[in-house]
Every structure is written in C-alpha cells, then in structure tokens.
C-alpha cells in the first residue's frame, strides 16, 4: 500500500514538471502569434514567410519585429505565387481589399452636366434710362420733383420753366395763326400759301422746343401766351439724379434730371475663360438673392459680350483672372431687385453627351498626368494613364486610356497607386543591381530570439 502511494506521488510530480517544461518551451519558441494562428485556423491558408511592413524585400521565415518594433506581416501561399508580376500591377488579397475599403465602378457612357456658378450685379436697362434736358434757356420757376429717388409716372410734371424766347415764339405763332384766318377767303392762292408756310414754320419752332400738340391747341383756342412751360416725365421710374433748384438759370442742353425705369433690369455676370465653351445664348439660369434664397428668378443669357475682362483679387498683385461678361434680363414689376444688388447665378449646362466617363474620385491627378486604377476583378490592380475632358455632376469625361465595361477603383485608389509605385521602384532597383536575371525574394535567416522567460525552473 505504501509503495503504491509513493508511485502515484512520483507520477504526479513527473507530470507537473513535464507540463511546466512544455509550457515554458511554447512560451519561448512559439512559431505563430495567437492572432495569426486564429486567422490561419479560420481561413485555412498556409503562411509561406513574413515580410517587413516598411521594406517588402526584407523577409523572414518566422514571426519577428523590425527595427521600429513593428510586427512582420504574414505572406500567404496564394500571395506568394508569381514572384515576377506585370510591371506596375499589384495583387491584393480579398481580405486586404475589404479592410482597405476598396470600391470599384464600371466604366460606361453618360451625359455630363455641370453647374456654372457666378455672381451677378443688377444694373438698369440701357434704353430705360432718361436724361431730362431743355432745348431753350430760361429760369426754373417751380419744381414739382424736389428730391431724388422720387417715383414719377409718364406725363407727370417735373418743373416749370420761364423763358423769354418761348414767350416770343408763342406770340409769333399767334400772329401767324390770326393772319392765316384773315386770308383764308382771299382769291390769291399765293397769299394763302405764304400764310400757311408762315404758320407751319412757327408751329415747328414750338415743337422743336418740345411744346406738345395739346399745348399748341390750347394756345390757338385761348389766344393767350403762357409765361412758363411745363417739362414732363417721359416714362415711369425713379428720379435717380436731380441737378436743379428753384430759381436757377439753365442753359440749352443742361441736364436737369435722370429717370430710370425699374420695370426691367439687366444682371451682369462674369464667366471664367475656361467655361466659355459651355455657355451659349438662351442658356437658362436660376438667380437668387442673399436675403431671400428660396425666391428664384428665372432668366436666360440675353447677350455674351465680345471682349474679355479680368478680375483682380488683390490690388497691386498679379492675380488677375480672365473672364467674359454675360447679361440676363429680368422682369422687376414689384421693384424687389434694386440697382447695385448682387445675385447668385447658377447656369446648368451640358458639358458632354454620351461621353465615356468615370467618377471624379477614380482619377488621380498629379498635375501633369491623370491616372486611374483598373480593377481586374481577380485581385489584380493596374494603374493606367488616361486623358480627361469635361468634368461635371461628379464625373470626368475620359477621352483615351480605358474602354467601356472596364472597372475603375473609386475608393482607396491612392493606397493601391502608392503600393504599385513602390513595387515598380523596388523592381527597377533590383534589375539595375543584378542585371536582367530574376531576383528571388531575400529571406532573412536570422534566428528569432526566444521571448524572455518570466521565471526560472528549479
């Protein structure tokens, strides 16, 4: 009984020491990290070797860390196939594609539209601006419009003008009118013709001085001259300028008032030079004010000016941008559009019809060249140079480099492009150093140092 008890004790101690030895050995020389073992067990794939994350040419047959303390990345069997891939083509495993968020879209034809945005300034219609002057000298007897920005209607009196020349002209007309009445029954045709010519000349003189037919008829009926002449508004609008006061002596042609009709206005916009090919007469536009963004005025391009201008952003610096001026005409019966007001202008134009196109996020623009990443749908990605055209509604027109039906990467393409460029650069360096012979991946045979023991066996 005692021998059996001792035997059981020795067996228990042996198992304990054996288990401890196996535990410490596995801790020191574990060939795979636990997370890697879990991935391998889950995916059922075999790891061929490990590669440095910073230098793909530095590899190791077992897990290790680089000089910066970063873990080497496992390279699976299917990734190691084809040690000499096509130039620039990079192969990525489905797991990496998913982790990097790589998305692709098929290349197809579509209509490309773009919205040209600019700022317009409200100005008066040129033929709705009236400068009020007189054709005879005189004195301002009375002002009916005594302030600027006063609204007037067509025919409203603006001022009364006293002119001695006008009084003389009226008296001459009355004399000619009465003389004609006296000789109307004369048997001499020549006398009648002379009387008619004199009356017509006097009437023309009054009309040249803007005396209306109604005023001449009143002069004939009453037979009395008027001391002053009333100057009336030629159209409806606001008096934007008043250059006279009561009692002022004025000369022939001297400006007295300026009246602007606001029932219609012009809006001028500046279009950048590179956008000129997209605009044409009759192109519709939406114009909005800053104080009422929801209120949209519908307009169309009424005129495209024949000369270019420029916009200077900083005074004294060479920061001019070439532009062309376009004009819109808007109805303004309510008077909400004020002269000098700025409007936001949006012109929706067709940039290309049935154009081969890709999303703008698919194009990598270096400034001199444009590149897209072709997704071959087998884990291979190929960078390809393209020629782009018009851009609009989130797409680029592609004029050369790809065909309809191919797939382009629209997300994480910069990561793929950088990896492709790195692979191509490393391949070129290897060929330069070793000639044209095939260079096998270098495997770092440096043994992995066992992890430091956390205790000591006794």
Protein backbone atom coordinates (compact mmCIF):
# COMPACT_ATOMS: atom_id res chain seq x y z
CA UNK A 1 0.00 0.00 0.00
CA UNK A 2 2.86 2.36 0.83
CA UNK A 3 4.65 1.54 -2.47
CA UNK A 4 1.51 2.29 -4.47
CA UNK A 5 1.16 5.64 -2.74
CA UNK A 6 4.80 6.61 -3.49
CA UNK A 7 4.37 5.57 -7.13
CA UNK A 8 1.35 7.84 -7.50
CA UNK A 9 3.28 10.75 -5.92
CA UNK A 10 6.24 10.30 -8.34
CA UNK A 11 3.88 10.16 -11.34
CA UNK A 12 2.13 13.37 -10.28
CA UNK A 13 5.45 15.19 -9.80
CA UNK A 14 6.66 13.97 -13.23
CA UNK A 15 3.53 15.17 -14.98
CA UNK A 16 3.84 18.52 -13.24
CA UNK A 17 7.46 19.01 -14.33
CA UNK A 18 6.72 17.78 -17.84
CA UNK A 19 3.76 20.17 -18.22
CA UNK A 20 5.84 23.09 -16.89
CA UNK A 21 8.65 22.33 -19.34
CA UNK A 22 6.26 22.19 -22.29
CA UNK A 23 4.62 25.44 -21.16
CA UNK A 24 7.90 27.37 -20.95
CA UNK A 25 9.11 25.95 -24.28
CA UNK A 26 5.96 27.02 -26.08
CA UNK A 27 6.17 30.48 -24.48
CA UNK A 28 9.78 30.89 -25.66
CA UNK A 29 9.59 29.42 -29.19
CA UNK A 30 6.01 29.82 -30.25
CA UNK A 31 6.19 29.85 -34.10
CA UNK A 32 2.99 31.90 -34.64
CA UNK A 33 1.42 34.72 -32.67
CA UNK A 34 -2.03 33.83 -31.27
CA UNK A 35 -3.83 36.31 -33.59
CA UNK A 36 -2.05 34.85 -36.63
CA UNK A 37 -2.86 31.29 -35.54
CA UNK A 38 -6.53 32.32 -35.22
CA UNK A 39 -6.57 33.82 -38.73
CA UNK A 40 -4.85 30.76 -40.22
CA UNK A 41 -7.21 28.40 -38.41
CA UNK A 42 -10.23 30.43 -39.57
CA UNK A 43 -9.15 30.88 -43.18
CA UNK A 44 -7.40 27.57 -43.67
CA UNK A 45 -4.48 29.20 -45.51
CA UNK A 46 -0.77 28.45 -45.22
CA UNK A 47 1.76 31.16 -44.38
CA UNK A 48 4.89 30.92 -46.56
CA UNK A 49 7.01 33.67 -44.96
CA UNK A 50 6.82 37.05 -43.27
CA UNK A 51 7.55 40.47 -44.81
CA UNK A 52 8.62 43.74 -43.23
CA UNK A 53 5.83 46.33 -43.38
CA UNK A 54 8.33 49.09 -44.24
CA UNK A 55 10.58 47.15 -46.64
CA UNK A 56 8.83 44.45 -48.69
CA UNK A 57 12.25 42.99 -49.71
CA UNK A 58 13.11 42.16 -46.09
CA UNK A 59 11.50 38.81 -45.23
CA UNK A 60 11.76 36.18 -42.53
CA UNK A 61 10.67 32.52 -42.31
CA UNK A 62 9.24 33.12 -38.83
CA UNK A 63 7.49 35.93 -36.96
CA UNK A 64 9.70 38.79 -35.84
CA UNK A 65 9.79 42.56 -35.35
CA UNK A 66 11.68 45.17 -37.38
CA UNK A 67 13.96 47.90 -36.03
CA UNK A 68 10.94 50.06 -35.19
CA UNK A 69 9.21 47.36 -33.22
CA UNK A 70 6.57 46.63 -35.87
CA UNK A 71 5.45 43.04 -36.48
CA UNK A 72 6.36 41.43 -39.80
CA UNK A 73 3.27 40.77 -41.97
CA UNK A 74 2.37 37.19 -42.96
CA UNK A 75 2.51 36.33 -46.69
CA UNK A 76 0.11 33.55 -47.65
CA UNK A 77 0.72 30.90 -50.25
CA UNK A 78 -1.60 32.40 -52.87
CA UNK A 79 0.03 35.82 -52.45
CA UNK A 80 3.50 34.42 -52.99
CA UNK A 81 2.57 32.88 -56.36
CA UNK A 82 4.03 34.84 -59.27
CA UNK A 83 7.22 36.33 -57.93
CA UNK A 84 7.60 38.40 -61.14
CA UNK A 85 4.23 40.18 -61.75
CA UNK A 86 3.47 42.59 -64.57
CA UNK A 87 5.12 45.98 -64.30
CA UNK A 88 3.04 48.24 -62.09
CA UNK A 89 0.37 45.61 -61.42
CA UNK A 90 -0.25 44.84 -57.78
CA UNK A 91 -2.16 41.90 -56.37
CA UNK A 92 -4.12 42.26 -53.15
CA UNK A 93 -5.89 39.54 -51.19
CA UNK A 94 -9.68 39.77 -50.74
CA UNK A 95 -9.20 40.35 -47.01
CA UNK A 96 -6.96 43.36 -47.60
CA UNK A 97 -9.34 44.70 -50.24
CA UNK A 98 -12.17 44.57 -47.72
CA UNK A 99 -10.12 46.10 -44.91
CA UNK A 100 -8.85 48.94 -47.11
CA UNK A 101 -12.39 49.75 -48.26
CA UNK A 102 -11.60 49.35 -51.97
CA UNK A 103 -14.65 50.07 -54.15
CA UNK A 104 -14.96 49.87 -57.93
CA UNK A 105 -17.39 51.14 -60.56
CA UNK A 106 -17.91 50.10 -64.16
CA UNK A 107 -16.92 52.46 -66.97
CA UNK A 108 -19.87 53.48 -69.14
CA UNK A 109 -21.22 56.30 -71.26
CA UNK A 110 -23.37 59.06 -69.79
CA UNK A 111 -24.31 62.69 -70.27
CA UNK A 112 -22.15 65.02 -68.24
CA UNK A 113 -23.73 68.20 -66.96
CA UNK A 114 -22.15 70.89 -64.85
CA UNK A 115 -23.38 73.93 -62.98
CA UNK A 116 -21.55 77.19 -63.64
CA UNK A 117 -21.82 79.46 -60.63
CA UNK A 118 -21.08 83.16 -60.59
CA UNK A 119 -22.25 86.41 -59.02
CA UNK A 120 -24.36 88.92 -60.97
CA UNK A 121 -24.85 92.64 -60.39
CA UNK A 122 -28.19 94.37 -61.05
CA UNK A 123 -27.95 97.33 -63.42
CA UNK A 124 -30.55 99.38 -65.35
CA UNK A 125 -31.64 98.51 -68.86
CA UNK A 126 -29.72 100.94 -71.03
CA UNK A 127 -32.71 102.13 -73.09
CA UNK A 128 -34.75 102.64 -69.91
CA UNK A 129 -32.52 105.48 -68.70
CA UNK A 130 -33.78 109.03 -69.45
CA UNK A 131 -31.76 112.23 -69.15
CA UNK A 132 -34.07 115.28 -68.94
CA UNK A 133 -32.78 118.47 -70.59
CA UNK A 134 -34.27 121.59 -72.25
CA UNK A 135 -33.73 122.99 -75.72
CA UNK A 136 -34.26 126.58 -74.68
CA UNK A 137 -32.59 128.67 -71.98
CA UNK A 138 -34.58 130.03 -69.07
CA UNK A 139 -35.20 130.07 -65.33
CA UNK A 140 -36.69 127.37 -63.09
CA UNK A 141 -39.95 128.94 -61.93
CA UNK A 142 -41.23 125.94 -59.94
CA UNK A 143 -40.02 122.40 -59.06
CA UNK A 144 -42.55 119.59 -58.82
CA UNK A 145 -39.85 117.00 -58.07
CA UNK A 146 -37.71 118.31 -55.26
CA UNK A 147 -35.81 115.19 -54.13
CA UNK A 148 -34.02 112.18 -55.55
CA UNK A 149 -35.45 108.64 -55.54
CA UNK A 150 -38.94 110.06 -56.03
CA UNK A 151 -41.17 107.87 -58.20
CA UNK A 152 -42.85 109.57 -61.16
CA UNK A 153 -45.22 108.37 -63.87
CA UNK A 154 -45.21 109.17 -67.54
CA UNK A 155 -46.63 112.69 -68.07
CA UNK A 156 -46.10 113.86 -64.50
CA UNK A 157 -44.81 117.49 -64.28
CA UNK A 158 -41.15 117.84 -63.29
CA UNK A 159 -40.69 121.64 -63.37
CA UNK A 160 -41.98 124.92 -64.82
CA UNK A 161 -39.55 126.85 -66.96
CA UNK A 162 -39.81 130.58 -67.70
CA UNK A 163 -38.17 131.55 -70.99
CA UNK A 164 -38.47 134.91 -72.80
CA UNK A 165 -37.64 133.13 -76.07
CA UNK A 166 -40.59 130.81 -75.51
CA UNK A 167 -42.97 133.74 -74.95
CA UNK A 168 -41.73 135.37 -78.16
CA UNK A 169 -42.21 132.13 -80.10
CA UNK A 170 -45.81 131.84 -78.85
CA UNK A 171 -46.59 135.41 -79.87
CA UNK A 172 -45.17 134.78 -83.33
CA UNK A 173 -47.36 131.69 -83.65
CA UNK A 174 -50.49 133.59 -82.61
CA UNK A 175 -49.75 136.32 -85.19
CA UNK A 176 -49.29 133.69 -87.91
CA UNK A 177 -52.44 131.89 -86.81
CA UNK A 178 -54.55 135.08 -86.91
CA UNK A 179 -53.02 136.16 -90.23
CA UNK A 180 -53.96 132.85 -91.77
CA UNK A 181 -57.54 133.26 -90.55
CA UNK A 182 -57.75 136.66 -92.26
CA UNK A 183 -56.55 135.48 -95.68
CA UNK A 184 -58.34 132.17 -95.81
CA UNK A 185 -61.03 133.70 -98.09
CA UNK A 186 -58.53 135.60 -100.28
CA UNK A 187 -58.80 134.89 -104.02
CA UNK A 188 -55.00 134.85 -104.28
CA UNK A 189 -53.61 131.36 -103.95
CA UNK A 190 -50.09 132.72 -103.45
CA UNK A 191 -51.18 134.75 -100.42
CA UNK A 192 -52.78 131.64 -98.89
CA UNK A 193 -49.66 129.59 -99.48
CA UNK A 194 -47.48 132.25 -97.84
CA UNK A 195 -49.76 132.43 -94.81
CA UNK A 196 -49.79 128.65 -94.41
CA UNK A 197 -45.99 128.45 -94.67
CA UNK A 198 -45.56 131.14 -92.01
CA UNK A 199 -47.93 129.34 -89.63
CA UNK A 200 -46.22 125.99 -90.21
CA UNK A 201 -42.78 127.48 -89.53
CA UNK A 202 -43.96 129.00 -86.25
CA UNK A 203 -45.53 125.71 -85.22
CA UNK A 204 -42.35 123.74 -85.97
CA UNK A 205 -40.35 126.16 -83.87
CA UNK A 206 -42.61 125.42 -80.88
CA UNK A 207 -42.46 121.69 -81.47
CA UNK A 208 -38.67 121.80 -81.69
CA UNK A 209 -38.78 123.20 -78.18
CA UNK A 210 -40.88 120.21 -77.03
CA UNK A 211 -44.21 122.09 -76.98
CA UNK A 212 -46.84 119.39 -77.39
CA UNK A 213 -49.75 119.45 -79.84
CA UNK A 214 -52.17 119.78 -76.92
CA UNK A 215 -50.36 122.88 -75.68
CA UNK A 216 -50.42 124.40 -79.20
CA UNK A 217 -54.15 123.66 -79.47
CA UNK A 218 -54.73 125.40 -76.12
CA UNK A 219 -52.74 128.39 -77.40
CA UNK A 220 -54.95 128.56 -80.50
CA UNK A 221 -58.17 128.27 -78.50
CA UNK A 222 -57.33 130.81 -75.82
CA UNK A 223 -55.28 133.15 -77.93
CA UNK A 224 -53.10 133.89 -74.91
CA UNK A 225 -49.43 133.09 -74.41
CA UNK A 226 -48.25 131.23 -71.30
CA UNK A 227 -45.46 132.67 -69.24
CA UNK A 228 -43.90 129.28 -68.38
CA UNK A 229 -43.51 125.87 -69.97
CA UNK A 230 -44.07 122.62 -68.03
CA UNK A 231 -41.47 119.88 -68.56
CA UNK A 232 -42.99 116.44 -68.00
CA UNK A 233 -41.62 112.94 -67.28
CA UNK A 234 -41.15 110.85 -70.44
CA UNK A 235 -41.61 107.48 -68.65
CA UNK A 236 -42.39 105.80 -65.35
CA UNK A 237 -39.44 105.40 -62.99
CA UNK A 238 -37.48 106.86 -60.14
CA UNK A 239 -35.56 110.12 -60.19
CA UNK A 240 -32.01 108.99 -59.50
CA UNK A 241 -30.41 112.40 -60.07
CA UNK A 242 -31.70 115.98 -59.61
CA UNK A 243 -29.37 118.72 -60.77
CA UNK A 244 -31.55 121.85 -60.44
CA UNK A 245 -33.13 124.02 -57.76
CA UNK A 246 -35.88 126.64 -57.95
CA UNK A 247 -34.78 129.98 -59.38
CA UNK A 248 -31.76 128.51 -61.14
CA UNK A 249 -30.92 129.78 -64.61
CA UNK A 250 -30.38 126.93 -67.04
CA UNK A 251 -28.85 126.82 -70.48
CA UNK A 252 -29.75 124.86 -73.57
CA UNK A 253 -28.89 121.14 -73.18
CA UNK A 254 -28.07 121.39 -69.49
CA UNK A 255 -29.05 118.13 -67.64
CA UNK A 256 -31.87 118.61 -65.14
CA UNK A 257 -32.97 115.11 -64.04
CA UNK A 258 -32.14 111.47 -64.62
CA UNK A 259 -35.04 108.99 -64.51
CA UNK A 260 -34.59 105.21 -64.58
CA UNK A 261 -37.42 102.79 -65.29
CA UNK A 262 -37.04 99.75 -62.97
CA UNK A 263 -39.77 97.59 -64.50
CA UNK A 264 -36.99 95.54 -66.13
CA UNK A 265 -33.34 95.22 -65.11
CA UNK A 266 -30.17 93.74 -66.52
CA UNK A 267 -27.96 91.41 -64.50
CA UNK A 268 -24.29 91.18 -65.48
CA UNK A 269 -22.27 88.08 -64.59
CA UNK A 270 -18.60 87.16 -65.08
CA UNK A 271 -17.79 83.70 -66.51
CA UNK A 272 -14.26 82.29 -66.28
CA UNK A 273 -12.39 81.94 -69.54
CA UNK A 274 -12.19 78.12 -69.36
CA UNK A 275 -16.01 77.96 -69.01
CA UNK A 276 -16.69 79.91 -72.20
CA UNK A 277 -17.15 76.74 -74.38
CA UNK A 278 -20.07 75.64 -72.20
CA UNK A 279 -22.24 78.78 -72.44
CA UNK A 280 -24.42 79.98 -75.30
CA UNK A 281 -27.23 82.45 -75.96
CA UNK A 282 -30.57 81.43 -74.49
CA UNK A 283 -29.00 79.23 -71.77
CA UNK A 284 -31.37 79.23 -68.79
CA UNK A 285 -30.23 80.25 -65.34
CA UNK A 286 -31.51 80.49 -61.76
CA UNK A 287 -30.81 83.76 -59.96
CA UNK A 288 -31.33 84.18 -56.22
CA UNK A 289 -30.79 86.97 -53.73
CA UNK A 290 -28.86 86.62 -50.49
CA UNK A 291 -31.76 87.91 -48.36
CA UNK A 292 -34.33 85.50 -49.89
CA UNK A 293 -32.54 82.31 -51.06
CA UNK A 294 -35.84 80.49 -51.64
CA UNK A 295 -37.06 83.11 -54.12
CA UNK A 296 -35.69 82.14 -57.54
CA UNK A 297 -35.72 84.38 -60.60
CA UNK A 298 -35.72 82.53 -63.91
CA UNK A 299 -33.58 84.12 -66.58
CA UNK A 300 -31.64 83.28 -69.71
CA UNK A 301 -28.45 84.56 -71.27
CA UNK A 302 -29.51 87.57 -73.33
CA UNK A 303 -26.07 88.61 -74.55
CA UNK A 304 -22.46 87.38 -74.44
CA UNK A 305 -20.01 90.24 -74.77
CA UNK A 306 -17.37 90.06 -77.48
CA UNK A 307 -14.40 91.12 -75.33
CA UNK A 308 -12.74 89.60 -72.28
CA UNK A 309 -12.24 91.38 -68.99
CA UNK A 310 -10.39 90.50 -65.83
CA UNK A 311 -10.98 90.27 -62.12
CA UNK A 312 -8.22 91.41 -59.76
CA UNK A 313 -8.45 89.70 -56.38
CA UNK A 314 -5.64 91.59 -54.64
CA UNK A 315 -4.85 95.17 -55.50
CA UNK A 316 -1.33 95.61 -56.80
CA UNK A 317 -0.65 91.91 -57.31
CA UNK A 318 -0.62 89.86 -60.47
CA UNK A 319 -3.68 87.82 -59.55
CA UNK A 320 -5.95 88.69 -62.46
CA UNK A 321 -8.35 86.08 -63.83
CA UNK A 322 -9.66 86.41 -67.38
CA UNK A 323 -13.45 86.47 -67.70
CA UNK A 324 -16.21 87.12 -70.20
CA UNK A 325 -19.30 89.16 -69.31
CA UNK A 326 -22.78 87.74 -69.86
CA UNK A 327 -26.10 89.52 -69.46
CA UNK A 328 -29.54 88.47 -68.24
CA UNK A 329 -32.78 90.48 -68.41
CA UNK A 330 -35.29 90.07 -65.59
CA UNK A 331 -38.78 91.48 -65.08
CA UNK A 332 -38.95 93.65 -61.97
CA UNK A 333 -42.54 94.83 -61.74
CA UNK A 334 -42.54 94.58 -57.93
CA UNK A 335 -39.32 96.55 -57.61
CA UNK A 336 -37.64 93.92 -55.38
CA UNK A 337 -34.46 93.96 -57.43
CA UNK A 338 -32.53 97.09 -56.54
CA UNK A 339 -29.82 98.65 -58.66
CA UNK A 340 -26.39 97.59 -57.42
CA UNK A 341 -27.72 94.43 -55.77
CA UNK A 342 -25.75 91.18 -56.13
CA UNK A 343 -27.41 87.91 -57.16
CA UNK A 344 -26.18 84.33 -57.04
CA UNK A 345 -26.29 82.90 -60.57
CA UNK A 346 -26.39 79.18 -61.43
CA UNK A 347 -26.28 78.05 -65.07
CA UNK A 348 -26.85 74.34 -65.72
CA UNK A 349 -25.03 73.42 -68.96
CA UNK A 350 -24.36 70.19 -70.85
CA UNK A 351 -20.61 69.54 -70.85
CA UNK A 352 -20.61 66.29 -72.89
CA UNK A 353 -23.18 63.99 -74.48
CA UNK A 354 -22.79 60.19 -74.37
CA UNK A 355 -19.24 60.51 -73.07
CA UNK A 356 -17.15 57.66 -71.70
CA UNK A 357 -16.87 58.66 -68.06
CA UNK A 358 -15.70 57.63 -64.60
CA UNK A 359 -16.39 59.10 -61.14
CA UNK A 360 -14.09 62.02 -60.34
CA UNK A 361 -12.85 60.12 -57.26
CA UNK A 362 -11.34 57.50 -59.60
CA UNK A 363 -8.92 59.98 -61.22
CA UNK A 364 -5.56 60.57 -59.55
CA UNK A 365 -4.31 63.92 -60.85
CA UNK A 366 -0.61 64.64 -60.37
CA UNK A 367 -0.83 67.98 -62.12
CA UNK A 368 0.85 66.76 -65.31
CA UNK A 369 -0.80 63.36 -65.79
CA UNK A 370 -4.05 61.70 -64.79
CA UNK A 371 -4.18 58.06 -63.70
CA UNK A 372 -6.94 55.59 -62.87
CA UNK A 373 -6.60 52.21 -61.18
CA UNK A 374 -8.13 49.37 -63.21
CA UNK A 375 -9.74 46.62 -61.12
CA UNK A 376 -9.33 43.33 -62.99
CA UNK A 377 -11.72 41.61 -60.59
CA UNK A 378 -9.17 38.83 -59.83
CA UNK A 379 -7.26 40.58 -57.09
CA UNK A 380 -5.01 42.42 -59.57
CA UNK A 381 -4.99 46.21 -59.92
CA UNK A 382 -3.36 48.10 -62.79
CA UNK A 383 -2.59 51.83 -62.85
CA UNK A 384 -3.30 53.34 -66.26
CA UNK A 385 -2.70 56.78 -67.72
CA UNK A 386 -5.79 58.47 -69.18
CA UNK A 387 -6.73 61.70 -70.94
CA UNK A 388 -9.59 63.54 -69.28
CA UNK A 389 -12.02 66.02 -70.79
CA UNK A 390 -15.04 67.76 -69.34
CA UNK A 391 -15.96 67.46 -65.67
CA UNK A 392 -19.43 67.69 -64.18
CA UNK A 393 -22.04 66.16 -61.85
CA UNK A 394 -19.31 64.10 -60.12
CA UNK A 395 -17.81 62.54 -63.28
CA UNK A 396 -14.84 63.01 -65.61
CA UNK A 397 -15.06 62.54 -69.36
CA UNK A 398 -12.35 60.07 -70.43
CA UNK A 399 -11.08 60.64 -73.97
CA UNK A 400 -8.44 57.90 -74.08
CA UNK A 401 -6.84 55.22 -71.93
CA UNK A 402 -9.77 52.96 -70.97
CA UNK A 403 -12.73 51.24 -72.60
CA UNK A 404 -16.39 50.83 -71.71
CA UNK A 405 -17.04 47.80 -69.50
CA UNK A 406 -13.78 48.02 -67.53
CA UNK A 407 -13.85 48.62 -63.77
CA UNK A 408 -12.07 51.50 -62.06
CA UNK A 409 -11.29 51.89 -58.38
CA UNK A 410 -13.22 54.77 -56.81
CA UNK A 411 -12.17 54.38 -53.18
CA UNK A 412 -8.71 53.73 -51.62
CA UNK A 413 -7.13 54.16 -55.06
CA UNK A 414 -4.33 56.27 -53.60
CA UNK A 415 -3.26 53.36 -51.40
CA UNK A 416 -3.20 50.98 -54.37
CA UNK A 417 -1.33 53.51 -56.50
CA UNK A 418 1.33 54.06 -53.83
CA UNK A 419 1.83 50.30 -53.38
CA UNK A 420 2.08 49.84 -57.15
CA UNK A 421 4.66 52.61 -57.47
CA UNK A 422 6.68 51.17 -54.58
CA UNK A 423 6.69 47.69 -56.16
CA UNK A 424 7.74 49.10 -59.53
CA UNK A 425 10.52 51.17 -57.96
CA UNK A 426 11.89 48.22 -55.99
CA UNK A 427 11.76 46.03 -59.08
CA UNK A 428 13.69 48.62 -61.08
CA UNK A 429 16.32 48.88 -58.33
CA UNK A 430 16.74 45.10 -58.26
CA UNK A 431 17.16 44.87 -62.03
CA UNK A 432 19.67 47.71 -62.01
CA UNK A 433 21.79 45.96 -59.41
CA UNK A 434 21.56 42.37 -60.72
CA UNK A 435 21.11 42.86 -64.44
CA UNK A 436 18.20 41.12 -66.12
CA UNK A 437 18.33 37.98 -64.05
CA UNK A 438 15.38 37.15 -61.87
CA UNK A 439 15.81 38.25 -58.28
CA UNK A 440 14.34 35.94 -55.69
CA UNK A 441 12.91 37.43 -52.51
CA UNK A 442 15.58 37.66 -49.84
CA UNK A 443 14.79 35.60 -46.82
CA UNK A 444 16.29 36.79 -43.58
CA UNK A 445 17.68 33.67 -41.86
CA UNK A 446 18.45 35.48 -38.63
CA UNK A 447 17.01 33.25 -35.93
CA UNK A 448 14.31 34.68 -33.81
CA UNK A 449 15.38 35.26 -30.26
CA UNK A 450 13.16 33.44 -27.80
CA UNK A 451 10.92 35.51 -25.65
CA UNK A 452 12.40 36.35 -22.26
CA UNK A 453 11.47 33.86 -19.52
CA UNK A 454 9.20 35.26 -16.89
CA UNK A 455 10.60 32.86 -14.25
CA UNK A 456 13.31 30.23 -13.58
CA UNK A 457 12.99 26.48 -13.46
CA UNK A 458 14.37 24.85 -10.36
